[in-house]
Amino acid sequence: MIKTPHQVDRKKRLVVLVSGGGSNLQSFIDACASGQLNAEVSAVVSNNPDAGGLNRAASAHIPNLLIDHRNFDCRHSFDKALCELIESFAPDLIILAGFMRILTPEFVNHFSGRIMNIHPSLLPAYPGLHTHRRAIEAGDKQAGATVHFVTPELDGGPSIIQARVAIEPEDNQQTLAARVLKFEHLIYPEAVRWFCEGTLTMQNGIALLDNKPIPDSGIIFNSGTERSA
């Protein structure tokens, strides 16, 4: 199917889910404002009334909505309400930016191929929590972050892009996390840019860039080039 100019040029609609301070959210707000992304943040949604990300959205005049999971009797009812709220903004892509909820398979499958997450480890190593502490305790030489499509398996969707950071002898989990976070702010908007340009897709559980399968570890970020094998 040939795309019309309107379809090519239309800004993609992003809905960002946050539970905390929203520093990754800010990277998307900035990337949209600068034109790095041909997109707009249509809404920011949080399950936490104290999330700083809601304040960031308000400062940028972006609709910001609270849906407190504690007001629901089970995970499924929360996810159903969350899904309906997100759909009201007709998003092209849902971005998990520090959203500290495990989503049900029904929710994830509803948005299959249209939902991304960033995880602070070199996936498939260290899914779940306390990733930096686990990497240090294991004696790893590197840590990092991975952007991936979301599937029902926790932190198990196909990787898109990965940034690697050396673990220094004096590192603790706080210092390591701070260095990794700087790279998160670079690689996450890059992955979303590819999606908005139509070059990044997920088909049959495989991430494709320019119609070519992405390696299992994702594209390795290199500050000197946009893409590195």
Protein backbone atom coordinates (compact mmCIF):
# COMPACT_ATOMS: atom_id res chain seq x y z
CA MET A 1 0.00 0.00 0.00
CA ILE A 2 1.37 3.41 -0.98
CA LYS A 3 1.26 5.94 1.83
CA THR A 4 -0.18 9.36 1.15
CA PRO A 5 1.86 12.45 2.11
CA HIS A 6 -0.51 12.96 5.03
CA GLN A 7 0.17 9.46 6.34
CA VAL A 8 3.92 9.91 6.04
CA ASP A 9 4.04 13.37 7.65
CA ARG A 10 1.45 12.88 10.38
CA LYS A 11 2.93 13.14 13.83
CA LYS A 12 2.73 9.87 15.73
CA ARG A 13 0.74 9.95 18.93
CA LEU A 14 2.61 8.74 22.02
CA VAL A 15 1.12 7.82 25.37
CA VAL A 16 3.72 7.58 28.12
CA LEU A 17 3.17 5.60 31.33
CA VAL A 18 5.18 6.61 34.41
CA SER A 19 5.33 5.77 38.10
CA GLY A 20 8.22 7.98 39.23
CA GLY A 21 10.18 11.11 38.44
CA GLY A 22 9.85 10.86 34.68
CA SER A 23 13.37 11.63 33.47
CA ASN A 24 12.88 9.35 30.48
CA LEU A 25 9.53 11.06 29.86
CA GLN A 26 11.40 14.36 29.74
CA SER A 27 13.67 13.00 27.02
CA PHE A 28 10.57 12.41 24.88
CA ILE A 29 9.08 15.80 25.63
CA ASP A 30 12.38 17.39 24.58
CA ALA A 31 12.79 15.20 21.49
CA CYS A 32 9.29 16.08 20.28
CA ALA A 33 9.88 19.79 20.91
CA SER A 34 13.21 19.78 19.05
CA GLY A 35 11.85 17.90 16.05
CA GLN A 36 14.04 14.85 16.68
CA LEU A 37 10.79 12.90 16.83
CA ASN A 38 7.97 13.43 14.35
CA ALA A 39 5.61 12.79 17.23
CA GLU A 40 3.69 14.33 20.08
CA VAL A 41 3.16 13.13 23.63
CA SER A 42 -0.62 12.96 23.63
CA ALA A 43 -0.95 11.97 27.27
CA VAL A 44 0.99 10.94 30.34
CA VAL A 45 -0.63 8.40 32.64
CA SER A 46 0.52 7.31 36.09
CA ASN A 47 -0.61 4.83 38.71
CA ASN A 48 1.14 6.87 41.42
CA PRO A 49 -0.37 10.15 42.66
CA ASP A 50 3.08 11.34 43.74
CA ALA A 51 4.80 10.65 40.42
CA GLY A 52 7.02 13.53 39.38
CA GLY A 53 6.30 12.64 35.78
CA LEU A 54 2.80 14.07 36.17
CA ASN A 55 4.33 17.42 37.08
CA ARG A 56 6.67 17.28 34.08
CA ALA A 57 3.68 16.67 31.82
CA ALA A 58 1.71 19.51 33.38
CA SER A 59 4.65 21.88 32.88
CA ALA A 60 4.70 20.93 29.19
CA HIS A 61 0.90 21.38 28.91
CA ILE A 62 0.41 17.67 28.21
CA PRO A 63 -2.73 15.92 29.49
CA ASN A 64 -1.69 14.08 32.65
CA LEU A 65 -3.93 11.52 34.25
CA LEU A 66 -3.85 9.47 37.43
CA ILE A 67 -5.30 5.98 37.55
CA ASP A 68 -4.40 4.61 40.98
CA HIS A 69 -4.09 0.82 40.94
CA ARG A 70 -4.98 0.74 44.64
CA ASN A 71 -8.54 1.68 43.74
CA PHE A 72 -9.06 -1.59 41.84
CA ASP A 73 -9.80 -5.02 43.25
CA CYS A 74 -7.44 -6.91 40.94
CA ARG A 75 -4.78 -6.49 38.30
CA HIS A 76 -7.17 -7.38 35.47
CA SER A 77 -9.70 -4.69 36.37
CA PHE A 78 -6.95 -2.08 36.62
CA ASP A 79 -5.48 -3.07 33.27
CA LYS A 80 -8.91 -3.00 31.64
CA ALA A 81 -9.50 0.56 32.85
CA LEU A 82 -5.97 1.55 31.88
CA CYS A 83 -6.45 0.13 28.40
CA GLU A 84 -9.70 2.06 27.91
CA LEU A 85 -8.07 5.28 29.09
CA ILE A 86 -5.10 4.85 26.75
CA GLU A 87 -7.34 4.00 23.79
CA SER A 88 -9.23 7.26 24.28
CA PHE A 89 -6.07 9.02 23.01
CA ALA A 90 -5.78 6.82 19.89
CA PRO A 91 -2.04 6.23 20.36
CA ASP A 92 0.36 4.90 17.76
CA LEU A 93 2.78 3.81 20.48
CA ILE A 94 2.67 3.25 24.24
CA ILE A 95 5.92 4.00 26.06
CA LEU A 96 6.67 2.53 29.47
CA ALA A 97 9.00 4.99 31.18
CA GLY A 98 9.55 3.68 34.67
CA PHE A 99 6.03 2.28 34.95
CA MET A 100 6.27 -0.02 37.96
CA ARG A 101 3.40 -2.36 37.22
CA ILE A 102 3.47 -5.84 35.70
CA LEU A 103 0.92 -5.72 32.91
CA THR A 104 -1.43 -8.60 32.18
CA PRO A 105 -1.04 -10.64 28.98
CA GLU A 106 -4.43 -9.35 27.82
CA PHE A 107 -3.23 -5.75 28.04
CA VAL A 108 0.09 -6.46 26.36
CA ASN A 109 -1.46 -8.49 23.55
CA HIS A 110 -4.03 -5.75 22.90
CA PHE A 111 -1.19 -3.36 22.06
CA SER A 112 1.14 -5.95 20.52
CA GLY A 113 3.84 -4.31 18.43
CA ARG A 114 2.87 -0.89 19.78
CA ILE A 115 4.32 -0.93 23.29
CA MET A 116 7.96 -0.41 24.33
CA ASN A 117 9.90 -0.52 27.57
CA ILE A 118 13.40 0.32 28.70
CA HIS A 119 15.06 -1.99 31.19
CA PRO A 120 18.22 -1.07 33.12
CA SER A 121 20.26 -4.14 32.26
CA LEU A 122 21.85 -5.86 29.31
CA LEU A 123 18.96 -8.15 28.57
CA PRO A 124 18.50 -11.07 28.68
CA ALA A 125 20.62 -10.67 31.84
CA TYR A 126 18.85 -9.53 34.99
CA PRO A 127 15.17 -9.16 34.21
CA GLY A 128 13.19 -7.75 37.12
CA LEU A 129 14.42 -5.48 39.89
CA HIS A 130 17.77 -4.43 41.43
CA THR A 131 19.60 -4.87 38.16
CA HIS A 132 22.65 -2.71 38.92
CA ARG A 133 23.23 -4.30 42.32
CA ARG A 134 22.98 -7.77 40.81
CA ALA A 135 25.46 -6.90 38.04
CA ILE A 136 27.99 -5.54 40.56
CA GLU A 137 27.58 -8.49 42.92
CA ALA A 138 28.09 -10.91 40.02
CA GLY A 139 31.40 -9.25 39.16
CA ASP A 140 30.25 -8.20 35.69
CA LYS A 141 32.49 -5.88 33.71
CA GLN A 142 29.58 -4.16 31.97
CA ALA A 143 26.06 -3.01 32.72
CA GLY A 144 23.67 -0.95 30.67
CA ALA A 145 20.13 -0.57 29.40
CA THR A 146 17.99 -2.22 26.75
CA VAL A 147 14.97 -0.88 24.87
CA HIS A 148 12.63 -3.69 23.87
CA PHE A 149 9.16 -4.37 22.60
CA VAL A 150 6.86 -5.56 25.36
CA THR A 151 5.46 -9.08 25.30
CA PRO A 152 3.69 -11.04 28.06
CA GLU A 153 7.03 -12.42 29.29
CA LEU A 154 8.47 -10.01 31.89
CA ASP A 155 11.35 -8.06 30.29
CA GLY A 156 11.41 -10.77 27.63
CA GLY A 157 10.26 -9.03 24.47
CA PRO A 158 12.62 -8.67 21.49
CA SER A 159 15.43 -6.19 22.07
CA ILE A 160 15.73 -3.09 19.89
CA ILE A 161 18.77 -1.14 21.06
CA GLN A 162 21.22 -1.56 23.91
CA ALA A 163 23.76 0.77 25.55
CA ARG A 164 26.70 -0.72 27.43
CA VAL A 165 28.52 0.96 30.31
CA ALA A 166 31.71 -0.22 32.01
CA ILE A 167 31.41 -1.10 35.69
CA GLU A 168 34.20 0.67 37.55
CA PRO A 169 35.86 -0.86 40.63
CA GLU A 170 34.52 1.93 42.87
CA ASP A 171 30.94 1.72 41.55
CA ASN A 172 27.93 1.13 43.75
CA GLN A 173 24.42 0.70 42.45
CA GLN A 174 23.68 4.42 42.73
CA THR A 175 26.71 5.63 40.78
CA LEU A 176 26.25 2.94 38.14
CA ALA A 177 22.55 3.71 37.79
CA ALA A 178 23.31 7.41 37.27
CA ARG A 179 25.72 6.68 34.41
CA VAL A 180 23.36 4.20 32.77
CA LEU A 181 20.47 6.67 33.00
CA LYS A 182 22.31 9.15 30.77
CA PHE A 183 22.38 6.53 28.04
CA GLU A 184 18.74 5.63 28.58
CA HIS A 185 17.89 9.20 27.60
CA LEU A 186 19.73 8.68 24.30
CA ILE A 187 18.69 5.20 23.22
CA TYR A 188 15.00 5.30 24.10
CA PRO A 189 14.15 8.29 21.86
CA GLU A 190 16.29 6.73 19.12
CA ALA A 191 14.23 3.53 19.17
CA VAL A 192 11.01 5.54 19.13
CA ARG A 193 12.33 7.64 16.24
CA TRP A 194 12.80 4.49 14.16
CA PHE A 195 9.26 3.42 15.03
CA CYS A 196 7.83 6.81 14.07
CA GLU A 197 9.70 6.70 10.76
CA GLY A 198 8.16 3.31 10.02
CA THR A 199 11.50 1.48 9.82
CA LEU A 200 11.08 -0.39 13.14
CA THR A 201 8.38 -3.03 13.57
CA MET A 202 7.68 -6.21 15.47
CA GLN A 203 6.41 -9.14 13.41
CA ASN A 204 5.80 -12.65 14.72
CA GLY A 205 7.67 -11.82 17.90
CA ILE A 206 10.77 -10.56 16.04
CA ALA A 207 12.00 -6.95 16.01
CA LEU A 208 12.84 -5.73 12.50
CA LEU A 209 14.73 -2.61 11.43
CA ASP A 210 14.64 -1.80 7.73
CA ASN A 211 12.92 -5.20 7.34
CA LYS A 212 15.97 -7.00 8.76
CA PRO A 213 15.89 -8.94 12.06
CA ILE A 214 17.60 -7.15 14.92
CA PRO A 215 20.16 -9.28 16.83
CA ASP A 216 18.94 -10.85 20.06
CA SER A 217 20.90 -8.36 22.15
CA GLY A 218 19.59 -5.42 20.12
CA ILE A 219 21.52 -2.89 18.09
CA ILE A 220 24.53 -1.78 20.12
CA PHE A 221 24.48 1.95 20.66
CA ASN A 222 27.63 3.78 19.63
CA SER A 223 27.80 7.50 20.34
CA GLY A 224 29.71 8.03 17.10
CA THR A 225 27.04 6.46 14.91
CA GLU A 226 23.30 6.03 15.04
CA ARG A 227 23.48 2.29 14.50
CA SER A 228 26.20 -0.24 15.13
CA ALA A 229 25.98 -3.99 14.58
